[in-house]
Amino acid sequence: MKFEYVGYRPIISHHGITFKQGKDDKFVYFPYVYEILNALNHEYTTSKNRYSTSINIENASIDKLYKIVEKYFPNIEKSIEDKLKKYKEHLEEEKEDINSRPNLSDIEKNIFITNLDLMKNYRINRAKNKIFYYFAIATIAEVIKEKRIKELDIPYHNKFWHVLNTLQGVLSSEKISSNIKVLYFDTKLELKFTTSLS
Protein backbone atom coordinates (compact mmCIF):
# COMPACT_ATOMS: atom_id res chain seq x y z
CA MET A 1 0.00 0.00 0.00
CA LYS A 2 1.39 3.40 -0.97
CA PHE A 3 1.31 6.46 1.28
CA GLU A 4 2.34 9.98 0.41
CA TYR A 5 2.21 13.41 1.95
CA VAL A 6 -0.98 15.24 1.04
CA GLY A 7 -1.08 18.50 2.99
CA TYR A 8 -3.12 20.56 5.39
CA ARG A 9 -6.80 19.90 6.03
CA PRO A 10 -8.90 21.62 3.37
CA ILE A 11 -11.77 23.90 4.27
CA ILE A 12 -14.20 23.67 1.38
CA SER A 13 -17.21 25.90 0.76
CA HIS A 14 -19.10 27.64 -2.02
CA HIS A 15 -16.61 30.52 -1.60
CA GLY A 16 -13.58 28.39 -2.45
CA ILE A 17 -10.96 26.13 -0.91
CA THR A 18 -8.55 27.11 1.86
CA PHE A 19 -6.26 25.07 4.07
CA LYS A 20 -6.24 25.02 7.85
CA GLN A 21 -2.72 25.69 9.11
CA GLY A 22 -1.84 23.51 12.07
CA LYS A 23 -3.99 20.61 10.84
CA ASP A 24 -1.25 18.85 8.93
CA ASP A 25 -1.48 15.47 7.27
CA LYS A 26 -0.79 12.52 9.62
CA PHE A 27 1.86 11.42 7.11
CA VAL A 28 4.33 13.82 8.76
CA TYR A 29 4.25 11.66 11.91
CA PHE A 30 5.06 8.34 10.18
CA PRO A 31 8.87 8.64 10.58
CA TYR A 32 8.44 9.37 14.29
CA VAL A 33 6.10 6.43 14.78
CA TYR A 34 8.56 4.21 12.92
CA GLU A 35 11.49 5.32 15.06
CA ILE A 36 9.55 4.66 18.28
CA LEU A 37 8.57 1.19 17.03
CA ASN A 38 12.12 0.54 15.88
CA ALA A 39 13.44 1.51 19.31
CA LEU A 40 10.88 -0.68 21.10
CA ASN A 41 11.69 -3.69 18.91
CA HIS A 42 15.36 -3.77 19.92
CA GLU A 43 16.66 -5.73 22.87
CA TYR A 44 16.92 -3.67 26.03
CA THR A 45 20.35 -2.96 27.42
CA THR A 46 19.65 -1.76 30.97
CA SER A 47 16.49 -3.29 32.31
CA LYS A 48 13.78 -5.35 30.66
CA ASN A 49 11.01 -2.75 30.84
CA ARG A 50 12.83 0.53 30.14
CA TYR A 51 14.23 1.76 26.88
CA SER A 52 16.21 4.88 26.11
CA THR A 53 17.50 5.82 22.69
CA SER A 54 18.65 8.57 20.41
CA ILE A 55 16.21 8.42 17.53
CA ASN A 56 17.42 9.04 13.99
CA ILE A 57 14.62 10.44 11.83
CA GLU A 58 16.58 10.30 8.57
CA ASN A 59 16.59 6.49 8.57
CA ALA A 60 12.83 6.15 8.90
CA SER A 61 11.02 4.25 6.17
CA ILE A 62 7.30 4.16 5.49
CA ASP A 63 7.59 0.71 3.89
CA LYS A 64 9.34 -0.65 6.98
CA LEU A 65 6.67 0.93 9.18
CA TYR A 66 3.94 -0.72 7.11
CA LYS A 67 5.62 -4.13 7.47
CA ILE A 68 5.83 -3.76 11.26
CA VAL A 69 2.18 -2.71 11.50
CA GLU A 70 1.17 -5.57 9.21
CA LYS A 71 2.71 -8.09 11.66
CA TYR A 72 0.27 -6.91 14.34
CA PHE A 73 -2.65 -6.26 11.99
CA PRO A 74 -2.35 -8.84 9.15
CA ASN A 75 -5.57 -7.61 7.50
CA ILE A 76 -4.53 -3.96 7.55
CA GLU A 77 -4.88 -3.44 3.80
CA LYS A 78 -8.48 -4.71 3.81
CA SER A 79 -9.24 -2.74 6.98
CA ILE A 80 -7.94 0.47 5.42
CA GLU A 81 -9.90 -0.21 2.21
CA ASP A 82 -13.09 -0.86 4.22
CA LYS A 83 -12.66 2.37 6.18
CA LEU A 84 -11.94 4.29 2.98
CA LYS A 85 -15.09 2.85 1.40
CA LYS A 86 -17.12 4.26 4.31
CA TYR A 87 -15.30 7.57 4.00
CA LYS A 88 -16.13 7.74 0.27
CA GLU A 89 -19.78 7.09 1.13
CA HIS A 90 -19.56 9.97 3.61
CA LEU A 91 -18.21 12.23 0.85
CA GLU A 92 -21.18 11.34 -1.37
CA GLU A 93 -23.60 12.02 1.50
CA GLU A 94 -21.90 15.38 1.98
CA LYS A 95 -22.73 16.31 -1.61
CA GLU A 96 -26.35 15.22 -1.14
CA ASP A 97 -26.51 17.37 2.00
CA ILE A 98 -25.31 20.41 0.07
CA ASN A 99 -27.95 19.86 -2.62
CA SER A 100 -30.65 19.92 0.06
CA ARG A 101 -29.53 23.20 1.69
CA PRO A 102 -32.24 25.80 1.18
CA ASN A 103 -29.94 28.73 2.05
CA LEU A 104 -27.71 28.15 -1.01
CA SER A 105 -28.62 29.14 -4.56
CA ASP A 106 -28.25 26.62 -7.37
CA ILE A 107 -25.03 28.34 -8.51
CA GLU A 108 -23.59 28.22 -4.95
CA LYS A 109 -24.53 24.54 -4.65
CA ASN A 110 -22.86 23.81 -7.99
CA ILE A 111 -19.68 25.67 -6.96
CA PHE A 112 -19.61 23.92 -3.57
CA ILE A 113 -20.02 20.46 -5.14
CA THR A 114 -17.40 21.26 -7.80
CA ASN A 115 -14.97 22.28 -5.04
CA LEU A 116 -15.71 19.03 -3.17
CA ASP A 117 -15.10 17.06 -6.38
CA LEU A 118 -11.81 18.88 -6.95
CA MET A 119 -10.62 17.93 -3.46
CA LYS A 120 -12.03 14.39 -3.38
CA ASN A 121 -8.77 12.49 -4.03
CA TYR A 122 -6.88 14.87 -1.76
CA ARG A 123 -9.30 14.17 1.09
CA ILE A 124 -9.32 10.41 0.45
CA ASN A 125 -5.51 10.29 0.59
CA ARG A 126 -5.49 12.34 3.80
CA ALA A 127 -8.04 9.93 5.27
CA LYS A 128 -5.90 6.95 4.22
CA ASN A 129 -2.89 8.47 5.99
CA LYS A 130 -4.95 9.14 9.11
CA ILE A 131 -6.35 5.60 9.19
CA PHE A 132 -2.87 4.12 8.84
CA TYR A 133 -1.52 6.50 11.50
CA TYR A 134 -4.01 5.13 14.04
CA PHE A 135 -3.10 1.55 13.12
CA ALA A 136 0.57 2.45 13.63
CA ILE A 137 -0.21 3.97 17.05
CA ALA A 138 -2.20 0.85 17.97
CA THR A 139 0.89 -1.17 16.99
CA ILE A 140 3.04 0.83 19.43
CA ALA A 141 0.42 0.11 22.11
CA GLU A 142 0.55 -3.62 21.30
CA VAL A 143 4.36 -3.67 21.57
CA ILE A 144 4.22 -1.80 24.88
CA LYS A 145 1.69 -4.30 26.25
CA GLU A 146 3.54 -7.31 24.86
CA LYS A 147 6.91 -6.22 26.30
CA ARG A 148 5.38 -4.71 29.46
CA ILE A 149 7.26 -1.47 28.87
CA LYS A 150 7.07 0.93 31.79
CA GLU A 151 9.24 3.74 30.45
CA LEU A 152 10.41 5.16 27.15
CA ASP A 153 12.88 8.05 26.96
CA ILE A 154 13.31 9.81 23.63
CA PRO A 155 14.70 13.16 22.45
CA TYR A 156 12.18 15.99 22.60
CA HIS A 157 10.46 16.93 19.37
CA ASN A 158 6.92 18.27 18.97
CA LYS A 159 6.08 15.44 16.54
CA PHE A 160 7.21 12.82 19.07
CA TRP A 161 5.04 14.64 21.61
CA HIS A 162 2.05 14.39 19.25
CA VAL A 163 2.63 10.65 18.67
CA LEU A 164 2.98 9.97 22.41
CA ASN A 165 -0.13 12.03 23.14
CA THR A 166 -2.12 9.94 20.64
CA LEU A 167 -0.60 6.78 22.14
CA GLN A 168 -1.70 7.94 25.58
CA GLY A 169 -5.30 8.08 24.33
CA VAL A 170 -5.09 4.59 22.82
CA LEU A 171 -3.63 3.11 26.02
CA SER A 172 -6.24 4.94 28.10
CA SER A 173 -9.03 3.31 26.06
CA GLU A 174 -7.48 -0.02 27.09
CA LYS A 175 -7.42 0.98 30.78
CA ILE A 176 -3.64 1.51 30.84
CA SER A 177 -2.66 4.83 32.34
CA SER A 178 0.37 6.66 31.02
CA ASN A 179 2.15 9.94 31.49
CA ILE A 180 4.30 12.19 29.32
CA LYS A 181 6.90 14.49 30.88
CA VAL A 182 9.41 16.84 29.34
CA LEU A 183 12.73 16.73 31.20
CA TYR A 184 15.96 18.64 30.84
CA PHE A 185 18.69 15.99 30.72
CA ASP A 186 22.39 16.54 29.88
CA THR A 187 21.74 19.94 28.24
CA LYS A 188 18.93 18.49 26.09
CA LEU A 189 15.18 18.21 26.37
CA GLU A 190 13.87 14.68 26.61
CA LEU A 191 10.42 13.12 26.57
CA LYS A 192 9.74 10.55 29.26
CA PHE A 193 6.73 8.33 28.58
CA THR A 194 5.70 6.09 31.46
CA THR A 195 2.96 3.47 31.72
CA SER A 196 1.19 1.75 34.60
CA LEU A 197 2.22 -1.69 33.33
CA SER A 198 4.02 -3.96 35.77
C-alpha atoms as a PDB file:
ATOM      1  CA  MET A   1       0.000   0.000   0.000  1.00  0.00           C
ATOM      2  CA  LYS A   2       1.388   3.398  -0.966  1.00  0.00           C
ATOM      3  CA  PHE A   3       1.305   6.455   1.283  1.00  0.00           C
ATOM      4  CA  GLU A   4       2.344   9.977   0.408  1.00  0.00           C
ATOM      5  CA  TYR A   5       2.211  13.412   1.954  1.00  0.00           C
ATOM      6  CA  VAL A   6      -0.978  15.236   1.038  1.00  0.00           C
ATOM      7  CA  GLY A   7      -1.076  18.500   2.987  1.00  0.00           C
ATOM      8  CA  TYR A   8      -3.122  20.557   5.390  1.00  0.00           C
ATOM      9  CA  ARG A   9      -6.801  19.901   6.027  1.00  0.00           C
ATOM     10  CA  PRO A  10      -8.900  21.623   3.369  1.00  0.00           C
ATOM     11  CA  ILE A  11     -11.772  23.904   4.269  1.00  0.00           C
ATOM     12  CA  ILE A  12     -14.202  23.673   1.384  1.00  0.00           C
ATOM     13  CA  SER A  13     -17.208  25.897   0.758  1.00  0.00           C
ATOM     14  CA  HIS A  14     -19.102  27.639  -2.016  1.00  0.00           C
ATOM     15  CA  HIS A  15     -16.613  30.518  -1.601  1.00  0.00           C
ATOM     16  CA  GLY A  16     -13.583  28.387  -2.451  1.00  0.00           C
ATOM     17  CA  ILE A  17     -10.963  26.134  -0.910  1.00  0.00           C
ATOM     18  CA  THR A  18      -8.547  27.109   1.855  1.00  0.00           C
ATOM     19  CA  PHE A  19      -6.260  25.067   4.069  1.00  0.00           C
ATOM     20  CA  LYS A  20      -6.239  25.023   7.853  1.00  0.00           C
ATOM     21  CA  GLN A  21      -2.725  25.686   9.112  1.00  0.00           C
ATOM     22  CA  GLY A  22      -1.839  23.509  12.074  1.00  0.00           C
ATOM     23  CA  LYS A  23      -3.988  20.614  10.841  1.00  0.00           C
ATOM     24  CA  ASP A  24      -1.245  18.850   8.934  1.00  0.00           C
ATOM     25  CA  ASP A  25      -1.478  15.474   7.269  1.00  0.00           C
ATOM     26  CA  LYS A  26      -0.789  12.524   9.620  1.00  0.00           C
ATOM     27  CA  PHE A  27       1.862  11.423   7.113  1.00  0.00           C
ATOM     28  CA  VAL A  28       4.335  13.824   8.763  1.00  0.00           C
ATOM     29  CA  TYR A  29       4.254  11.656  11.906  1.00  0.00           C
ATOM     30  CA  PHE A  30       5.058   8.340  10.178  1.00  0.00           C
ATOM     31  CA  PRO A  31       8.867   8.639  10.576  1.00  0.00           C
ATOM     32  CA  TYR A  32       8.440   9.373  14.289  1.00  0.00           C
ATOM     33  CA  VAL A  33       6.097   6.426  14.784  1.00  0.00           C
ATOM     34  CA  TYR A  34       8.561   4.213  12.916  1.00  0.00           C
ATOM     35  CA  GLU A  35      11.487   5.323  15.064  1.00  0.00           C
ATOM     36  CA  ILE A  36       9.553   4.655  18.280  1.00  0.00           C
ATOM     37  CA  LEU A  37       8.572   1.187  17.035  1.00  0.00           C
ATOM     38  CA  ASN A  38      12.116   0.540  15.878  1.00  0.00           C
ATOM     39  CA  ALA A  39      13.435   1.513  19.312  1.00  0.00           C
ATOM     40  CA  LEU A  40      10.884  -0.685  21.097  1.00  0.00           C
ATOM     41  CA  ASN A  41      11.690  -3.692  18.912  1.00  0.00           C
ATOM     42  CA  HIS A  42      15.357  -3.772  19.919  1.00  0.00           C
ATOM     43  CA  GLU A  43      16.657  -5.726  22.871  1.00  0.00           C
ATOM     44  CA  TYR A  44      16.917  -3.672  26.034  1.00  0.00           C
ATOM     45  CA  THR A  45      20.354  -2.960  27.424  1.00  0.00           C
ATOM     46  CA  THR A  46      19.654  -1.758  30.971  1.00  0.00           C
ATOM     47  CA  SER A  47      16.485  -3.292  32.307  1.00  0.00           C
ATOM     48  CA  LYS A  48      13.775  -5.354  30.658  1.00  0.00           C
ATOM     49  CA  ASN A  49      11.012  -2.752  30.843  1.00  0.00           C
ATOM     50  CA  ARG A  50      12.829   0.526  30.144  1.00  0.00           C
ATOM     51  CA  TYR A  51      14.227   1.763  26.877  1.00  0.00           C
ATOM     52  CA  SER A  52      16.209   4.884  26.108  1.00  0.00           C
ATOM     53  CA  THR A  53      17.502   5.818  22.694  1.00  0.00           C
ATOM     54  CA  SER A  54      18.646   8.567  20.406  1.00  0.00           C
ATOM     55  CA  ILE A  55      16.213   8.417  17.530  1.00  0.00           C
ATOM     56  CA  ASN A  56      17.419   9.036  13.994  1.00  0.00           C
ATOM     57  CA  ILE A  57      14.616  10.439  11.832  1.00  0.00           C
ATOM     58  CA  GLU A  58      16.583  10.299   8.566  1.00  0.00           C
ATOM     59  CA  ASN A  59      16.591   6.493   8.566  1.00  0.00           C
ATOM     60  CA  ALA A  60      12.826   6.152   8.898  1.00  0.00           C
ATOM     61  CA  SER A  61      11.018   4.248   6.175  1.00  0.00           C
ATOM     62  CA  ILE A  62       7.303   4.157   5.491  1.00  0.00           C
ATOM     63  CA  ASP A  63       7.588   0.707   3.889  1.00  0.00           C
ATOM     64  CA  LYS A  64       9.336  -0.654   6.978  1.00  0.00           C
ATOM     65  CA  LEU A  65       6.672   0.930   9.184  1.00  0.00           C
ATOM     66  CA  TYR A  66       3.939  -0.719   7.112  1.00  0.00           C
ATOM     67  CA  LYS A  67       5.620  -4.133   7.465  1.00  0.00           C
ATOM     68  CA  ILE A  68       5.832  -3.763  11.260  1.00  0.00           C
ATOM     69  CA  VAL A  69       2.179  -2.707  11.504  1.00  0.00           C
ATOM     70  CA  GLU A  70       1.174  -5.571   9.206  1.00  0.00           C
ATOM     71  CA  LYS A  71       2.714  -8.086  11.657  1.00  0.00           C
ATOM     72  CA  TYR A  72       0.275  -6.911  14.338  1.00  0.00           C
ATOM     73  CA  PHE A  73      -2.649  -6.263  11.994  1.00  0.00           C
ATOM     74  CA  PRO A  74      -2.350  -8.841   9.149  1.00  0.00           C
ATOM     75  CA  ASN A  75      -5.570  -7.611   7.498  1.00  0.00           C
ATOM     76  CA  ILE A  76      -4.531  -3.960   7.551  1.00  0.00           C
ATOM     77  CA  GLU A  77      -4.882  -3.441   3.801  1.00  0.00           C
ATOM     78  CA  LYS A  78      -8.477  -4.712   3.808  1.00  0.00           C
ATOM     79  CA  SER A  79      -9.243  -2.739   6.979  1.00  0.00           C
ATOM     80  CA  ILE A  80      -7.941   0.474   5.416  1.00  0.00           C
ATOM     81  CA  GLU A  81      -9.896  -0.213   2.211  1.00  0.00           C
ATOM     82  CA  ASP A  82     -13.094  -0.864   4.221  1.00  0.00           C
ATOM     83  CA  LYS A  83     -12.664   2.371   6.181  1.00  0.00           C
ATOM     84  CA  LEU A  84     -11.942   4.288   2.980  1.00  0.00           C
ATOM     85  CA  LYS A  85     -15.091   2.847   1.395  1.00  0.00           C
ATOM     86  CA  LYS A  86     -17.115   4.259   4.305  1.00  0.00           C
ATOM     87  CA  TYR A  87     -15.299   7.572   3.996  1.00  0.00           C
ATOM     88  CA  LYS A  88     -16.126   7.744   0.272  1.00  0.00           C
ATOM     89  CA  GLU A  89     -19.778   7.087   1.127  1.00  0.00           C
ATOM     90  CA  HIS A  90     -19.562   9.971   3.614  1.00  0.00           C
ATOM     91  CA  LEU A  91     -18.207  12.228   0.850  1.00  0.00           C
ATOM     92  CA  GLU A  92     -21.182  11.337  -1.367  1.00  0.00           C
ATOM     93  CA  GLU A  93     -23.603  12.021   1.497  1.00  0.00           C
ATOM     94  CA  GLU A  94     -21.899  15.377   1.984  1.00  0.00           C
ATOM     95  CA  LYS A  95     -22.728  16.307  -1.615  1.00  0.00           C
ATOM     96  CA  GLU A  96     -26.352  15.221  -1.137  1.00  0.00           C
ATOM     97  CA  ASP A  97     -26.513  17.370   1.998  1.00  0.00           C
ATOM     98  CA  ILE A  98     -25.314  20.415   0.070  1.00  0.00           C
ATOM     99  CA  ASN A  99     -27.953  19.857  -2.617  1.00  0.00           C
ATOM    100  CA  SER A 100     -30.652  19.922   0.063  1.00  0.00           C
ATOM    101  CA  ARG A 101     -29.531  23.197   1.689  1.00  0.00           C
ATOM    102  CA  PRO A 102     -32.243  25.802   1.181  1.00  0.00           C
ATOM    103  CA  ASN A 103     -29.935  28.727   2.048  1.00  0.00           C
ATOM    104  CA  LEU A 104     -27.712  28.152  -1.006  1.00  0.00           C
ATOM    105  CA  SER A 105     -28.618  29.136  -4.556  1.00  0.00           C
ATOM    106  CA  ASP A 106     -28.248  26.615  -7.372  1.00  0.00           C
ATOM    107  CA  ILE A 107     -25.034  28.338  -8.506  1.00  0.00           C
ATOM    108  CA  GLU A 108     -23.595  28.219  -4.948  1.00  0.00           C
ATOM    109  CA  LYS A 109     -24.526  24.544  -4.651  1.00  0.00           C
ATOM    110  CA  ASN A 110     -22.860  23.814  -7.986  1.00  0.00           C
ATOM    111  CA  ILE A 111     -19.680  25.672  -6.955  1.00  0.00           C
ATOM    112  CA  PHE A 112     -19.612  23.925  -3.567  1.00  0.00           C
ATOM    113  CA  ILE A 113     -20.023  20.462  -5.142  1.00  0.00           C
ATOM    114  CA  THR A 114     -17.402  21.259  -7.803  1.00  0.00           C
ATOM    115  CA  ASN A 115     -14.974  22.276  -5.039  1.00  0.00           C
ATOM    116  CA  LEU A 116     -15.713  19.028  -3.172  1.00  0.00           C
ATOM    117  CA  ASP A 117     -15.104  17.056  -6.377  1.00  0.00           C
ATOM    118  CA  LEU A 118     -11.807  18.881  -6.949  1.00  0.00           C
ATOM    119  CA  MET A 119     -10.623  17.929  -3.459  1.00  0.00           C
ATOM    120  CA  LYS A 120     -12.029  14.392  -3.385  1.00  0.00           C
ATOM    121  CA  ASN A 121      -8.767  12.490  -4.033  1.00  0.00           C
ATOM    122  CA  TYR A 122      -6.878  14.868  -1.761  1.00  0.00           C
ATOM    123  CA  ARG A 123      -9.303  14.175   1.087  1.00  0.00           C
ATOM    124  CA  ILE A 124      -9.317  10.408   0.454  1.00  0.00           C
ATOM    125  CA  ASN A 125      -5.510  10.290   0.586  1.00  0.00           C
ATOM    126  CA  ARG A 126      -5.485  12.339   3.804  1.00  0.00           C
ATOM    127  CA  ALA A 127      -8.044   9.930   5.267  1.00  0.00           C
ATOM    128  CA  LYS A 128      -5.901   6.952   4.218  1.00  0.00           C
ATOM    129  CA  ASN A 129      -2.888   8.471   5.993  1.00  0.00           C
ATOM    130  CA  LYS A 130      -4.950   9.143   9.107  1.00  0.00           C
ATOM    131  CA  ILE A 131      -6.352   5.604   9.191  1.00  0.00           C
ATOM    132  CA  PHE A 132      -2.866   4.119   8.836  1.00  0.00           C
ATOM    133  CA  TYR A 133      -1.521   6.496  11.504  1.00  0.00           C
ATOM    134  CA  TYR A 134      -4.014   5.135  14.036  1.00  0.00           C
ATOM    135  CA  PHE A 135      -3.102   1.548  13.117  1.00  0.00           C
ATOM    136  CA  ALA A 136       0.566   2.449  13.631  1.00  0.00           C
ATOM    137  CA  ILE A 137      -0.209   3.973  17.052  1.00  0.00           C
ATOM    138  CA  ALA A 138      -2.197   0.847  17.965  1.00  0.00           C
ATOM    139  CA  THR A 139       0.885  -1.169  16.989  1.00  0.00           C
ATOM    140  CA  ILE A 140       3.039   0.828  19.427  1.00  0.00           C
ATOM    141  CA  ALA A 141       0.418   0.112  22.105  1.00  0.00           C
ATOM    142  CA  GLU A 142       0.553  -3.617  21.299  1.00  0.00           C
ATOM    143  CA  VAL A 143       4.357  -3.672  21.565  1.00  0.00           C
ATOM    144  CA  ILE A 144       4.223  -1.801  24.878  1.00  0.00           C
ATOM    145  CA  LYS A 145       1.694  -4.302  26.255  1.00  0.00           C
ATOM    146  CA  GLU A 146       3.545  -7.306  24.855  1.00  0.00           C
ATOM    147  CA  LYS A 147       6.906  -6.221  26.295  1.00  0.00           C
ATOM    148  CA  ARG A 148       5.377  -4.712  29.463  1.00  0.00           C
ATOM    149  CA  ILE A 149       7.259  -1.467  28.872  1.00  0.00           C
ATOM    150  CA  LYS A 150       7.072   0.935  31.789  1.00  0.00           C
ATOM    151  CA  GLU A 151       9.236   3.737  30.452  1.00  0.00           C
ATOM    152  CA  LEU A 152      10.405   5.161  27.148  1.00  0.00           C
ATOM    153  CA  ASP A 153      12.878   8.048  26.958  1.00  0.00           C
ATOM    154  CA  ILE A 154      13.309   9.809  23.631  1.00  0.00           C
ATOM    155  CA  PRO A 155      14.699  13.157  22.445  1.00  0.00           C
ATOM    156  CA  TYR A 156      12.179  15.994  22.604  1.00  0.00           C
ATOM    157  CA  HIS A 157      10.456  16.933  19.367  1.00  0.00           C
ATOM    158  CA  ASN A 158       6.924  18.273  18.973  1.00  0.00           C
ATOM    159  CA  LYS A 159       6.079  15.439  16.542  1.00  0.00           C
ATOM    160  CA  PHE A 160       7.209  12.816  19.068  1.00  0.00           C
ATOM    161  CA  TRP A 161       5.042  14.637  21.605  1.00  0.00           C
ATOM    162  CA  HIS A 162       2.050  14.387  19.252  1.00  0.00           C
ATOM    163  CA  VAL A 163       2.634  10.655  18.670  1.00  0.00           C
ATOM    164  CA  LEU A 164       2.985   9.973  22.410  1.00  0.00           C
ATOM    165  CA  ASN A 165      -0.126  12.033  23.136  1.00  0.00           C
ATOM    166  CA  THR A 166      -2.119   9.943  20.640  1.00  0.00           C
ATOM    167  CA  LEU A 167      -0.602   6.781  22.139  1.00  0.00           C
ATOM    168  CA  GLN A 168      -1.702   7.940  25.575  1.00  0.00           C
ATOM    169  CA  GLY A 169      -5.304   8.082  24.332  1.00  0.00           C
ATOM    170  CA  VAL A 170      -5.091   4.586  22.818  1.00  0.00           C
ATOM    171  CA  LEU A 171      -3.634   3.115  26.016  1.00  0.00           C
ATOM    172  CA  SER A 172      -6.243   4.943  28.100  1.00  0.00           C
ATOM    173  CA  SER A 173      -9.027   3.310  26.056  1.00  0.00           C
ATOM    174  CA  GLU A 174      -7.482  -0.025  27.092  1.00  0.00           C
ATOM    175  CA  LYS A 175      -7.422   0.981  30.782  1.00  0.00           C
ATOM    176  CA  ILE A 176      -3.640   1.506  30.841  1.00  0.00           C
ATOM    177  CA  SER A 177      -2.665   4.827  32.339  1.00  0.00           C
ATOM    178  CA  SER A 178       0.373   6.656  31.024  1.00  0.00           C
ATOM    179  CA  ASN A 179       2.154   9.936  31.493  1.00  0.00           C
ATOM    180  CA  ILE A 180       4.304  12.191  29.320  1.00  0.00           C
ATOM    181  CA  LYS A 181       6.896  14.486  30.880  1.00  0.00           C
ATOM    182  CA  VAL A 182       9.411  16.835  29.342  1.00  0.00           C
ATOM    183  CA  LEU A 183      12.726  16.733  31.196  1.00  0.00           C
ATOM    184  CA  TYR A 184      15.957  18.636  30.836  1.00  0.00           C
ATOM    185  CA  PHE A 185      18.695  15.991  30.721  1.00  0.00           C
ATOM    186  CA  ASP A 186      22.392  16.539  29.882  1.00  0.00           C
ATOM    187  CA  THR A 187      21.738  19.937  28.244  1.00  0.00           C
ATOM    188  CA  LYS A 188      18.929  18.490  26.091  1.00  0.00           C
ATOM    189  CA  LEU A 189      15.181  18.213  26.371  1.00  0.00           C
ATOM    190  CA  GLU A 190      13.869  14.680  26.611  1.00  0.00           C
ATOM    191  CA  LEU A 191      10.419  13.119  26.574  1.00  0.00           C
ATOM    192  CA  LYS A 192       9.740  10.546  29.259  1.00  0.00           C
ATOM    193  CA  PHE A 193       6.731   8.334  28.580  1.00  0.00           C
ATOM    194  CA  THR A 194       5.704   6.086  31.461  1.00  0.00           C
ATOM    195  CA  THR A 195       2.963   3.470  31.725  1.00  0.00           C
ATOM    196  CA  SER A 196       1.193   1.749  34.605  1.00  0.00           C
ATOM    197  CA  LEU A 197       2.220  -1.694  33.325  1.00  0.00           C
ATOM    198  CA  SER A 198       4.021  -3.963  35.767  1.00  0.00           C
END
